[in-house]
Amino acid sequence: MTPILAAERGGEFHIPPLEELFEWPAFWWSENWNVLGVDLSVNRVVMLTFLAVAISAGLFLVAFRTPRIIPTKIQSVAESIVEFVRGQIAIPVIGADGVKWVPFLTTIFMFVWINNLFEVLPGINFPPTSRMALPAFLALMVYFTFLFVGIRSQGFIG
């Protein structure tokens, strides 16, 4: 039943407060984690980001822990992800020099993909990448990497 119909029929529908969109309360076990005035409390966004890092790192650590010539199922999945990034992103966009950037691009691809998968998983239904700080951090990291590599290869004034 849609919220409008619930409200028309005398249902208990209420619009959530605006604070729920911008402020996520910290978990009870990390409410007062302050170090030098910086709030290090763990909320839902932080927990899902840590979970995305653990899932992507765990996938590749388990898959490539003991690589085999005839791959296992998980190694085959991890190799197909790496090959997708290599063949569909790195080489077509960067060119032949893009092969050396495959690990970096695969890391970013998996992190963003897993964070976005959280939106469609029942019980979570929230992608941490919808918060402005995470995509901004990733964009700044890529931007400064781009600048550093450009300055290193061409000099400061090229």
C-alpha atoms as a PDB file:
ATOM      1  CA  MET A   1       0.000   0.000   0.000  1.00  0.00           C
ATOM      2  CA  THR A   2       1.422   3.380  -0.917  1.00  0.00           C
ATOM      3  CA  PRO A   3       1.945   6.010   1.782  1.00  0.00           C
ATOM      4  CA  ILE A   4      -0.733   8.268   0.290  1.00  0.00           C
ATOM      5  CA  LEU A   5      -3.338   5.506   0.484  1.00  0.00           C
ATOM      6  CA  ALA A   6      -2.246   4.685   4.034  1.00  0.00           C
ATOM      7  CA  ALA A   7      -2.690   8.318   5.048  1.00  0.00           C
ATOM      8  CA  GLU A   8      -6.116   8.528   3.366  1.00  0.00           C
ATOM      9  CA  ARG A   9      -7.357   5.443   5.152  1.00  0.00           C
ATOM     10  CA  GLY A  10      -6.324   6.706   8.554  1.00  0.00           C
ATOM     11  CA  GLY A  11      -3.052   4.796   8.620  1.00  0.00           C
ATOM     12  CA  GLU A  12      -0.112   5.635  10.796  1.00  0.00           C
ATOM     13  CA  PHE A  13       2.024   7.084   8.015  1.00  0.00           C
ATOM     14  CA  HIS A  14       4.322   9.930   8.955  1.00  0.00           C
ATOM     15  CA  ILE A  15       7.007  11.696   7.004  1.00  0.00           C
ATOM     16  CA  PRO A  16      10.412  10.925   8.499  1.00  0.00           C
ATOM     17  CA  PRO A  17      12.231  13.895   9.991  1.00  0.00           C
ATOM     18  CA  LEU A  18      14.819  15.642   7.856  1.00  0.00           C
ATOM     19  CA  GLU A  19      17.583  14.768  10.336  1.00  0.00           C
ATOM     20  CA  GLU A  20      17.365  11.107   9.264  1.00  0.00           C
ATOM     21  CA  LEU A  21      18.625  12.077   5.826  1.00  0.00           C
ATOM     22  CA  PHE A  22      21.715  13.901   7.060  1.00  0.00           C
ATOM     23  CA  GLU A  23      22.637  12.575  10.488  1.00  0.00           C
ATOM     24  CA  TRP A  24      23.149   8.930  11.262  1.00  0.00           C
ATOM     25  CA  PRO A  25      23.388   8.187  14.966  1.00  0.00           C
ATOM     26  CA  ALA A  26      26.504   6.410  16.157  1.00  0.00           C
ATOM     27  CA  PHE A  27      26.278   2.845  17.377  1.00  0.00           C
ATOM     28  CA  TRP A  28      25.926   2.586  21.150  1.00  0.00           C
ATOM     29  CA  TRP A  29      29.387   1.100  21.608  1.00  0.00           C
ATOM     30  CA  SER A  30      31.149   3.973  19.828  1.00  0.00           C
ATOM     31  CA  GLU A  31      29.185   7.054  20.861  1.00  0.00           C
ATOM     32  CA  ASN A  32      31.972   8.958  22.587  1.00  0.00           C
ATOM     33  CA  TRP A  33      35.061   8.135  20.553  1.00  0.00           C
ATOM     34  CA  ASN A  34      36.842  11.473  20.362  1.00  0.00           C
ATOM     35  CA  VAL A  35      40.551  11.785  19.624  1.00  0.00           C
ATOM     36  CA  LEU A  36      42.005  15.307  19.755  1.00  0.00           C
ATOM     37  CA  GLY A  37      38.551  16.780  19.185  1.00  0.00           C
ATOM     38  CA  VAL A  38      37.806  14.583  16.135  1.00  0.00           C
ATOM     39  CA  ASP A  39      34.665  12.469  16.371  1.00  0.00           C
ATOM     40  CA  LEU A  40      35.572   8.881  15.471  1.00  0.00           C
ATOM     41  CA  SER A  41      32.171   7.379  16.240  1.00  0.00           C
ATOM     42  CA  VAL A  42      31.084   4.494  14.044  1.00  0.00           C
ATOM     43  CA  ASN A  43      27.698   4.922  12.381  1.00  0.00           C
ATOM     44  CA  ARG A  44      25.893   3.010   9.646  1.00  0.00           C
ATOM     45  CA  VAL A  45      27.852   4.640   6.807  1.00  0.00           C
ATOM     46  CA  VAL A  46      31.223   3.864   8.389  1.00  0.00           C
ATOM     47  CA  MET A  47      30.211   0.286   9.171  1.00  0.00           C
ATOM     48  CA  LEU A  48      29.059  -0.367   5.590  1.00  0.00           C
ATOM     49  CA  THR A  49      32.246   1.194   4.208  1.00  0.00           C
ATOM     50  CA  PHE A  50      34.363  -1.084   6.404  1.00  0.00           C
ATOM     51  CA  LEU A  51      32.229  -4.031   5.290  1.00  0.00           C
ATOM     52  CA  ALA A  52      32.781  -3.159   1.617  1.00  0.00           C
ATOM     53  CA  VAL A  53      36.542  -3.007   2.179  1.00  0.00           C
ATOM     54  CA  ALA A  54      36.487  -6.348   4.000  1.00  0.00           C
ATOM     55  CA  ILE A  55      34.397  -8.050   1.299  1.00  0.00           C
ATOM     56  CA  SER A  56      36.519  -6.826  -1.609  1.00  0.00           C
ATOM     57  CA  ALA A  57      39.817  -7.525   0.163  1.00  0.00           C
ATOM     58  CA  GLY A  58      38.580 -10.926   1.322  1.00  0.00           C
ATOM     59  CA  LEU A  59      37.457 -11.888  -2.175  1.00  0.00           C
ATOM     60  CA  PHE A  60      40.849 -11.205  -3.729  1.00  0.00           C
ATOM     61  CA  LEU A  61      42.862 -12.579  -0.800  1.00  0.00           C
ATOM     62  CA  VAL A  62      40.966 -15.866  -0.857  1.00  0.00           C
ATOM     63  CA  ALA A  63      40.944 -16.066  -4.662  1.00  0.00           C
ATOM     64  CA  PHE A  64      44.637 -15.396  -5.190  1.00  0.00           C
ATOM     65  CA  ARG A  65      46.040 -16.861  -1.975  1.00  0.00           C
ATOM     66  CA  THR A  66      47.127 -19.988  -3.829  1.00  0.00           C
ATOM     67  CA  PRO A  67      46.592 -19.332  -7.539  1.00  0.00           C
ATOM     68  CA  ARG A  68      46.217 -22.410  -9.720  1.00  0.00           C
ATOM     69  CA  ILE A  69      46.551 -23.032 -13.424  1.00  0.00           C
ATOM     70  CA  ILE A  70      43.068 -24.555 -13.413  1.00  0.00           C
ATOM     71  CA  PRO A  71      41.269 -21.922 -11.335  1.00  0.00           C
ATOM     72  CA  THR A  72      38.855 -22.609  -8.530  1.00  0.00           C
ATOM     73  CA  LYS A  73      35.400 -21.033  -8.664  1.00  0.00           C
ATOM     74  CA  ILE A  74      36.338 -18.021  -6.578  1.00  0.00           C
ATOM     75  CA  GLN A  75      39.602 -17.551  -8.470  1.00  0.00           C
ATOM     76  CA  SER A  76      37.654 -17.644 -11.723  1.00  0.00           C
ATOM     77  CA  VAL A  77      35.281 -14.942 -10.444  1.00  0.00           C
ATOM     78  CA  ALA A  78      38.159 -12.729  -9.295  1.00  0.00           C
ATOM     79  CA  GLU A  79      40.043 -13.230 -12.569  1.00  0.00           C
ATOM     80  CA  SER A  80      36.941 -12.309 -14.562  1.00  0.00           C
ATOM     81  CA  ILE A  81      36.577  -9.084 -12.545  1.00  0.00           C
ATOM     82  CA  VAL A  82      40.213  -8.174 -13.165  1.00  0.00           C
ATOM     83  CA  GLU A  83      39.900  -9.064 -16.852  1.00  0.00           C
ATOM     84  CA  PHE A  84      36.735  -6.956 -17.142  1.00  0.00           C
ATOM     85  CA  VAL A  85      38.491  -3.912 -15.692  1.00  0.00           C
ATOM     86  CA  ARG A  86      41.532  -4.540 -17.877  1.00  0.00           C
ATOM     87  CA  GLY A  87      39.651  -5.145 -21.119  1.00  0.00           C
ATOM     88  CA  GLN A  88      36.716  -2.756 -20.725  1.00  0.00           C
ATOM     89  CA  ILE A  89      38.131   0.135 -18.705  1.00  0.00           C
ATOM     90  CA  ALA A  90      41.934   0.329 -18.581  1.00  0.00           C
ATOM     91  CA  ILE A  91      42.994  -0.455 -22.149  1.00  0.00           C
ATOM     92  CA  PRO A  92      40.118   1.248 -24.047  1.00  0.00           C
ATOM     93  CA  VAL A  93      40.326   4.443 -21.968  1.00  0.00           C
ATOM     94  CA  ILE A  94      44.047   4.773 -21.179  1.00  0.00           C
ATOM     95  CA  GLY A  95      45.577   2.674 -23.942  1.00  0.00           C
ATOM     96  CA  ALA A  96      48.436   0.205 -23.695  1.00  0.00           C
ATOM     97  CA  ASP A  97      49.851   2.072 -20.678  1.00  0.00           C
ATOM     98  CA  GLY A  98      46.608   1.327 -18.830  1.00  0.00           C
ATOM     99  CA  VAL A  99      47.707  -2.215 -18.006  1.00  0.00           C
ATOM    100  CA  LYS A 100      49.896  -0.958 -15.144  1.00  0.00           C
ATOM    101  CA  TRP A 101      46.839   0.816 -13.657  1.00  0.00           C
ATOM    102  CA  VAL A 102      44.638  -2.323 -13.557  1.00  0.00           C
ATOM    103  CA  PRO A 103      45.208  -3.024  -9.809  1.00  0.00           C
ATOM    104  CA  PHE A 104      44.338   0.567  -8.868  1.00  0.00           C
ATOM    105  CA  LEU A 105      41.279   0.645 -11.125  1.00  0.00           C
ATOM    106  CA  THR A 106      40.127  -2.800  -9.961  1.00  0.00           C
ATOM    107  CA  THR A 107      40.341  -1.692  -6.337  1.00  0.00           C
ATOM    108  CA  ILE A 108      38.240   1.409  -6.957  1.00  0.00           C
ATOM    109  CA  PHE A 109      35.795  -0.512  -9.167  1.00  0.00           C
ATOM    110  CA  MET A 110      35.180  -3.242  -6.584  1.00  0.00           C
ATOM    111  CA  PHE A 111      34.879  -0.788  -3.689  1.00  0.00           C
ATOM    112  CA  VAL A 112      32.293   1.354  -5.478  1.00  0.00           C
ATOM    113  CA  TRP A 113      30.436  -1.663  -6.885  1.00  0.00           C
ATOM    114  CA  ILE A 114      30.087  -3.360  -3.491  1.00  0.00           C
ATOM    115  CA  ASN A 115      29.007  -0.104  -1.843  1.00  0.00           C
ATOM    116  CA  ASN A 116      26.349   0.343  -4.521  1.00  0.00           C
ATOM    117  CA  LEU A 117      25.186  -3.271  -4.128  1.00  0.00           C
ATOM    118  CA  PHE A 118      24.290  -2.469  -0.529  1.00  0.00           C
ATOM    119  CA  GLU A 119      21.387  -0.406  -1.867  1.00  0.00           C
ATOM    120  CA  VAL A 120      19.569  -3.436  -3.275  1.00  0.00           C
ATOM    121  CA  LEU A 121      20.340  -5.874  -0.442  1.00  0.00           C
ATOM    122  CA  PRO A 122      17.340  -6.418   1.820  1.00  0.00           C
ATOM    123  CA  GLY A 123      17.921  -5.143   5.324  1.00  0.00           C
ATOM    124  CA  ILE A 124      20.588  -2.660   4.272  1.00  0.00           C
ATOM    125  CA  ASN A 125      18.969  -0.623   1.466  1.00  0.00           C
ATOM    126  CA  PHE A 126      21.529   2.148   1.794  1.00  0.00           C
ATOM    127  CA  PRO A 127      24.551   2.801  -0.418  1.00  0.00           C
ATOM    128  CA  PRO A 128      27.389   4.565   1.426  1.00  0.00           C
ATOM    129  CA  THR A 129      28.367   6.158  -1.890  1.00  0.00           C
ATOM    130  CA  SER A 130      25.199   8.256  -1.692  1.00  0.00           C
ATOM    131  CA  ARG A 131      26.920  10.327   0.978  1.00  0.00           C
ATOM    132  CA  MET A 132      28.924  13.178  -0.503  1.00  0.00           C
ATOM    133  CA  ALA A 133      32.172  12.554   1.387  1.00  0.00           C
ATOM    134  CA  LEU A 134      32.967   9.114  -0.027  1.00  0.00           C
ATOM    135  CA  PRO A 135      32.748   9.944  -3.760  1.00  0.00           C
ATOM    136  CA  ALA A 136      34.510  13.246  -3.083  1.00  0.00           C
ATOM    137  CA  PHE A 137      37.360  11.437  -1.337  1.00  0.00           C
ATOM    138  CA  LEU A 138      37.685   8.935  -4.204  1.00  0.00           C
ATOM    139  CA  ALA A 139      37.628  11.753  -6.762  1.00  0.00           C
ATOM    140  CA  LEU A 140      40.309  13.724  -4.923  1.00  0.00           C
ATOM    141  CA  MET A 141      42.458  10.616  -4.553  1.00  0.00           C
ATOM    142  CA  VAL A 142      42.279   9.926  -8.301  1.00  0.00           C
ATOM    143  CA  TYR A 143      42.835  13.608  -9.138  1.00  0.00           C
ATOM    144  CA  PHE A 144      45.978  13.908  -7.016  1.00  0.00           C
ATOM    145  CA  THR A 145      47.265  10.579  -8.335  1.00  0.00           C
ATOM    146  CA  PHE A 146      46.744  11.926 -11.853  1.00  0.00           C
ATOM    147  CA  LEU A 147      48.620  15.126 -10.991  1.00  0.00           C
ATOM    148  CA  PHE A 148      51.474  13.281  -9.273  1.00  0.00           C
ATOM    149  CA  VAL A 149      51.971  10.865 -12.167  1.00  0.00           C
ATOM    150  CA  GLY A 150      51.775  13.695 -14.718  1.00  0.00           C
ATOM    151  CA  ILE A 151      54.324  15.823 -12.874  1.00  0.00           C
ATOM    152  CA  ARG A 152      56.616  12.831 -12.372  1.00  0.00           C
ATOM    153  CA  SER A 153      56.574  11.894 -16.049  1.00  0.00           C
ATOM    154  CA  GLN A 154      56.609  15.377 -17.635  1.00  0.00           C
ATOM    155  CA  GLY A 155      58.107  17.604 -15.001  1.00  0.00           C
ATOM    156  CA  PHE A 156      56.479  20.407 -13.029  1.00  0.00           C
ATOM    157  CA  ILE A 157      56.521  22.824 -15.958  1.00  0.00           C
ATOM    158  CA  GLY A 158      56.240  20.627 -19.028  1.00  0.00           C
END
